[in-house]
Amino acid sequence: MTQHLIDDPSSWVERLARFGYASKGVVYGIVGLLAAQAAFGAGGRTTDTKGALQTLVEQPFGKFLLALVAIGLIGYVIWRFVQAIKDPENKGKDAKGLAQRVGYAINGVLYGSLAYSAVQILLGSGGSGNSNSTQDWTARLLSQPFGQWLVGTLGALIIGLGFYQFYKAYSAKFRRKLNLTELSNTERKWVIAICRFGLLARGIVFCIIGWFLIQAATQYNAQAAGGLDEALQALAQQPYGPWLLGFVALGLLAYGIYMVIKARYSQLVVN
């Protein structure tokens, strides 16, 4: 059995993928939990995924836990690039398939950056400072030729991605990739409901982030851009802000649970 695992790289890719989904779920779960505490007056704060890593390392056995999450995120990155390059799901080379595979690669790069941040925090060289990476790269884009168009287009694409999350939540087609046969009908209904709630909340956050970028483009002001933390803060500042923030925070927590569900029940195609 051991020799089989050593000789079969696909088994290791699958384990890395599942560990990666679980680690991503932990990160989003922390973001959602902290924001929910802030919304309901139980402490907490709004933060982004990097802030979640910093929060994790401050807990008992934090460095050990963060090291596990960092390894998991690296596994997730590897899985995304396997999906993009080897195309185990047979997305194909037509326009739609290539777009999906490019999306996998971009997602891999983004979470590669998050994994790098986790390593920096472990080494004591991350988690400090007040720089806003979203505003930094927005400023760099704005300084390029056609920079306003680039930033505005990116904002529109992120809003489109948000609406795609809404579609996924509405259609619930994701359940086709989950093997839930060992669960009862009631358990399956709860799992699907939690996953849909998580996708809905993530879609809301994407739409807000995209709107921030469009504002940055039209105003030619990188300070108008914002990421996950700023999106949650914006919700808190609206009428009925604590309720809005609480709803989305619980949704992000549900999204974290969805990632853990994917880690456990996904029917991964590796070969």
Protein backbone atom coordinates (compact mmCIF):
# COMPACT_ATOMS: atom_id res chain seq x y z
CA MET A 1 0.00 0.00 0.00
CA THR A 2 2.76 2.45 0.95
CA GLN A 3 4.71 1.64 -2.21
CA HIS A 4 1.57 2.27 -4.27
CA LEU A 5 1.20 5.75 -2.74
CA ILE A 6 4.86 6.52 -3.49
CA ASP A 7 4.59 5.31 -7.08
CA ASP A 8 1.32 7.13 -7.80
CA PRO A 9 1.84 10.92 -7.94
CA SER A 10 -1.88 11.48 -8.53
CA SER A 11 -2.67 10.24 -5.02
CA TRP A 12 -0.40 12.94 -3.62
CA VAL A 13 -1.95 15.61 -5.85
CA GLU A 14 -5.39 14.62 -4.59
CA ARG A 15 -4.27 14.82 -0.97
CA LEU A 16 -2.68 18.21 -1.56
CA ALA A 17 -5.87 19.44 -3.24
CA ARG A 18 -8.08 18.32 -0.36
CA PHE A 19 -5.68 19.76 2.21
CA GLY A 20 -5.63 22.97 0.18
CA TYR A 21 -9.42 23.30 0.14
CA ALA A 22 -9.49 22.74 3.90
CA SER A 23 -6.81 25.39 4.48
CA LYS A 24 -8.67 27.89 2.31
CA GLY A 25 -11.76 27.10 4.37
CA VAL A 26 -9.90 27.84 7.61
CA VAL A 27 -8.80 31.24 6.29
CA TYR A 28 -12.28 32.27 5.19
CA GLY A 29 -13.76 30.86 8.37
CA ILE A 30 -11.51 33.12 10.45
CA VAL A 31 -12.42 36.17 8.33
CA GLY A 32 -16.12 35.40 8.72
CA LEU A 33 -15.89 34.66 12.45
CA LEU A 34 -14.00 37.87 13.24
CA ALA A 35 -16.41 39.96 11.18
CA ALA A 36 -19.42 38.28 12.81
CA GLN A 37 -18.00 39.07 16.26
CA ALA A 38 -17.55 42.70 15.21
CA ALA A 39 -21.11 42.86 13.83
CA PHE A 40 -22.72 41.42 16.95
CA GLY A 41 -20.65 43.41 19.44
CA ALA A 42 -18.57 40.49 20.69
CA GLY A 43 -15.16 41.92 19.84
CA GLY A 44 -13.60 40.83 16.58
CA ARG A 45 -12.77 43.04 13.63
CA THR A 46 -13.07 43.23 9.88
CA THR A 47 -10.03 41.90 8.09
CA ASP A 48 -8.92 40.21 4.90
CA THR A 49 -7.34 36.83 4.26
CA LYS A 50 -3.85 38.05 5.21
CA GLY A 51 -5.26 39.46 8.42
CA ALA A 52 -6.78 36.05 9.11
CA LEU A 53 -3.31 34.50 8.86
CA GLN A 54 -1.95 37.05 11.32
CA THR A 55 -4.83 36.30 13.71
CA LEU A 56 -4.14 32.58 13.44
CA VAL A 57 -0.45 32.91 14.34
CA GLU A 58 -1.39 34.85 17.50
CA GLN A 59 -3.37 31.90 18.88
CA PRO A 60 -1.97 29.14 21.12
CA PHE A 61 0.19 26.87 18.94
CA GLY A 62 -0.33 29.55 16.29
CA LYS A 63 2.92 29.01 14.40
CA PHE A 64 2.24 25.30 14.11
CA LEU A 65 -1.33 25.93 12.92
CA LEU A 66 -0.19 28.59 10.45
CA ALA A 67 2.50 26.26 9.13
CA LEU A 68 -0.19 23.67 8.40
CA VAL A 69 -2.35 26.28 6.66
CA ALA A 70 0.66 27.49 4.64
CA ILE A 71 1.39 23.94 3.47
CA GLY A 72 -2.29 23.54 2.60
CA LEU A 73 -2.33 26.78 0.61
CA ILE A 74 0.74 25.63 -1.31
CA GLY A 75 -1.11 22.40 -2.02
CA TYR A 76 -4.09 24.40 -3.26
CA VAL A 77 -1.82 26.41 -5.58
CA ILE A 78 -0.31 23.21 -6.98
CA TRP A 79 -3.79 21.81 -7.58
CA ARG A 80 -4.91 24.95 -9.41
CA PHE A 81 -1.91 24.79 -11.74
CA VAL A 82 -2.50 21.07 -12.32
CA GLN A 83 -6.06 21.98 -13.35
CA ALA A 84 -4.79 24.75 -15.61
CA ILE A 85 -1.94 22.88 -17.29
CA LYS A 86 -2.83 19.18 -17.29
CA ASP A 87 -6.59 19.77 -17.64
CA PRO A 88 -7.67 16.66 -15.71
CA GLU A 89 -11.31 17.78 -15.94
CA ASN A 90 -11.14 17.94 -19.75
CA LYS A 91 -12.18 21.58 -20.03
CA GLY A 92 -10.65 21.53 -23.49
CA LYS A 93 -8.99 24.15 -25.65
CA ASP A 94 -12.01 26.02 -26.94
CA ALA A 95 -12.66 29.58 -25.75
CA LYS A 96 -14.74 28.54 -22.73
CA GLY A 97 -12.32 25.82 -21.68
CA LEU A 98 -9.26 28.02 -22.03
CA ALA A 99 -10.98 30.79 -20.07
CA GLN A 100 -11.67 28.38 -17.21
CA ARG A 101 -8.12 27.09 -17.25
CA VAL A 102 -6.68 30.60 -17.27
CA GLY A 103 -8.98 31.33 -14.33
CA TYR A 104 -7.49 28.38 -12.46
CA ALA A 105 -3.99 29.73 -13.11
CA ILE A 106 -4.91 33.24 -11.95
CA ASN A 107 -6.49 31.77 -8.83
CA GLY A 108 -3.29 29.82 -8.25
CA VAL A 109 -1.20 32.98 -8.49
CA LEU A 110 -3.47 34.83 -6.04
CA TYR A 111 -3.33 32.06 -3.46
CA GLY A 112 0.39 31.67 -4.10
CA SER A 113 0.68 35.26 -2.87
CA LEU A 114 -1.36 34.35 0.21
CA ALA A 115 0.84 31.31 0.87
CA TYR A 116 3.90 33.54 0.56
CA SER A 117 2.37 35.91 3.12
CA ALA A 118 1.86 32.96 5.48
CA VAL A 119 5.53 32.01 5.15
CA GLN A 120 6.57 35.63 5.75
CA ILE A 121 4.50 35.74 8.95
CA LEU A 122 6.06 32.47 10.11
CA LEU A 123 9.52 33.93 9.51
CA GLY A 124 8.60 37.10 11.38
CA SER A 125 8.82 39.37 8.33
CA GLY A 126 5.11 39.74 7.55
CA GLY A 127 1.93 40.92 9.18
CA SER A 128 3.25 44.33 10.18
CA GLY A 129 2.94 47.67 8.43
CA ASN A 130 -0.06 49.55 7.19
CA SER A 131 0.31 49.21 3.44
CA ASN A 132 -2.77 48.32 1.44
CA SER A 133 -1.75 45.93 -1.32
CA THR A 134 -4.99 46.51 -3.25
CA GLN A 135 -4.38 50.25 -3.36
CA ASP A 136 -0.69 49.71 -4.16
CA TRP A 137 -1.27 47.62 -7.28
CA THR A 138 -4.23 49.80 -8.29
CA ALA A 139 -1.89 52.80 -8.22
CA ARG A 140 0.62 50.93 -10.38
CA LEU A 141 -2.10 50.03 -12.89
CA LEU A 142 -3.41 53.60 -13.00
CA SER A 143 0.07 54.86 -13.82
CA GLN A 144 0.21 52.70 -16.96
CA PRO A 145 -1.03 53.77 -20.41
CA PHE A 146 -4.82 53.32 -20.47
CA GLY A 147 -4.56 52.69 -16.71
CA GLN A 148 -8.04 53.93 -15.95
CA TRP A 149 -9.48 51.56 -18.55
CA LEU A 150 -7.47 48.67 -17.13
CA VAL A 151 -8.65 49.28 -13.58
CA GLY A 152 -12.24 49.89 -14.65
CA THR A 153 -12.27 46.74 -16.77
CA LEU A 154 -10.84 44.73 -13.90
CA GLY A 155 -13.54 46.10 -11.63
CA ALA A 156 -16.23 45.10 -14.12
CA LEU A 157 -14.74 41.60 -14.40
CA ILE A 158 -14.75 41.19 -10.62
CA ILE A 159 -18.39 42.29 -10.49
CA GLY A 160 -19.07 39.73 -13.22
CA LEU A 161 -17.33 37.12 -11.07
CA GLY A 162 -19.58 38.18 -8.21
CA PHE A 163 -22.68 37.57 -10.34
CA TYR A 164 -21.21 34.20 -11.31
CA GLN A 165 -21.10 33.35 -7.60
CA PHE A 166 -24.79 34.29 -7.42
CA TYR A 167 -25.49 31.99 -10.36
CA LYS A 168 -23.60 29.13 -8.71
CA ALA A 169 -25.57 29.68 -5.52
CA TYR A 170 -28.88 29.76 -7.41
CA SER A 171 -28.22 26.78 -9.70
CA ALA A 172 -26.41 24.69 -7.06
CA LYS A 173 -24.63 22.85 -9.88
CA PHE A 174 -21.61 22.50 -7.58
CA ARG A 175 -23.36 19.58 -5.89
CA ARG A 176 -22.65 17.45 -8.97
CA LYS A 177 -18.97 17.49 -7.95
CA LEU A 178 -19.72 16.46 -4.37
CA ASN A 179 -20.19 12.84 -3.40
CA LEU A 180 -22.80 13.16 -0.65
CA THR A 181 -24.27 9.68 -0.93
CA GLU A 182 -23.23 8.74 2.61
CA LEU A 183 -25.29 11.61 4.04
CA SER A 184 -29.01 11.49 4.79
CA ASN A 185 -31.45 13.61 2.77
CA THR A 186 -31.70 16.12 5.63
CA GLU A 187 -27.92 16.35 5.93
CA ARG A 188 -27.57 16.85 2.18
CA LYS A 189 -30.11 19.68 2.25
CA TRP A 190 -28.19 21.40 5.06
CA VAL A 191 -24.86 20.98 3.24
CA ILE A 192 -26.25 22.43 0.00
CA ALA A 193 -27.89 25.33 1.88
CA ILE A 194 -24.64 26.21 3.66
CA CYS A 195 -22.70 26.10 0.38
CA ARG A 196 -25.25 28.32 -1.38
CA PHE A 197 -25.19 30.83 1.47
CA GLY A 198 -21.41 30.95 1.31
CA LEU A 199 -21.38 31.56 -2.45
CA LEU A 200 -24.01 34.29 -2.07
CA ALA A 201 -21.91 36.14 0.51
CA ARG A 202 -18.76 35.82 -1.57
CA GLY A 203 -20.62 37.20 -4.56
CA ILE A 204 -21.68 40.26 -2.54
CA VAL A 205 -18.08 40.89 -1.49
CA PHE A 206 -16.83 40.56 -5.08
CA CYS A 207 -19.41 43.08 -6.30
CA ILE A 208 -18.35 45.60 -3.65
CA ILE A 209 -14.64 45.14 -4.45
CA GLY A 210 -15.37 45.53 -8.16
CA TRP A 211 -17.35 48.72 -7.49
CA PHE A 212 -14.42 50.09 -5.49
CA LEU A 213 -12.15 49.53 -8.50
CA ILE A 214 -14.57 51.23 -10.88
CA GLN A 215 -14.66 54.20 -8.50
CA ALA A 216 -10.85 54.23 -8.40
CA ALA A 217 -10.77 54.27 -12.20
CA THR A 218 -13.35 57.01 -12.71
CA GLN A 219 -11.81 59.19 -9.98
CA TYR A 220 -8.21 58.33 -10.97
CA ASN A 221 -7.65 57.68 -7.27
CA ALA A 222 -6.07 54.45 -6.03
CA GLN A 223 -7.22 55.27 -2.48
CA ALA A 224 -10.79 54.51 -3.60
CA ALA A 225 -9.85 50.87 -4.22
CA GLY A 226 -10.28 48.29 -1.51
CA GLY A 227 -10.17 44.59 -0.84
CA LEU A 228 -12.09 42.22 1.42
CA ASP A 229 -11.44 44.21 4.60
CA GLU A 230 -12.67 47.47 3.05
CA ALA A 231 -15.72 45.72 1.59
CA LEU A 232 -16.73 44.50 5.04
CA GLN A 233 -16.10 47.96 6.51
CA ALA A 234 -18.30 49.50 3.81
CA LEU A 235 -21.14 47.18 4.77
CA ALA A 236 -20.78 48.11 8.44
CA GLN A 237 -21.10 51.81 7.57
CA GLN A 238 -24.44 51.43 5.77
CA PRO A 239 -27.88 51.84 7.35
CA TYR A 240 -28.51 48.67 9.36
CA GLY A 241 -24.75 48.12 9.00
CA PRO A 242 -24.35 45.57 11.81
CA TRP A 243 -27.09 43.44 10.29
CA LEU A 244 -25.60 43.65 6.79
CA LEU A 245 -22.13 42.91 8.09
CA GLY A 246 -23.43 40.07 10.22
CA PHE A 247 -25.25 38.51 7.26
CA VAL A 248 -22.18 38.61 5.00
CA ALA A 249 -19.85 37.58 7.84
CA LEU A 250 -21.91 34.47 8.53
CA GLY A 251 -21.95 33.86 4.79
CA LEU A 252 -18.15 33.99 4.64
CA LEU A 253 -18.06 31.56 7.54
CA ALA A 254 -20.42 29.36 5.52
CA TYR A 255 -18.06 29.68 2.54
CA GLY A 256 -15.24 28.45 4.74
CA ILE A 257 -17.39 25.45 5.68
CA TYR A 258 -18.11 24.92 1.96
CA MET A 259 -14.37 24.68 1.31
CA VAL A 260 -14.03 22.08 4.07
CA ILE A 261 -16.96 20.19 2.54
CA LYS A 262 -15.14 20.27 -0.81
CA ALA A 263 -12.04 18.93 0.91
CA ARG A 264 -14.01 15.99 2.26
CA TYR A 265 -16.58 15.22 -0.43
CA SER A 266 -15.25 16.51 -3.77
CA GLN A 267 -15.00 14.01 -6.59
CA LEU A 268 -11.59 15.12 -7.77
CA VAL A 269 -10.36 14.14 -11.22
CA VAL A 270 -6.58 13.97 -10.93
CA ASN A 271 -5.32 11.77 -13.74
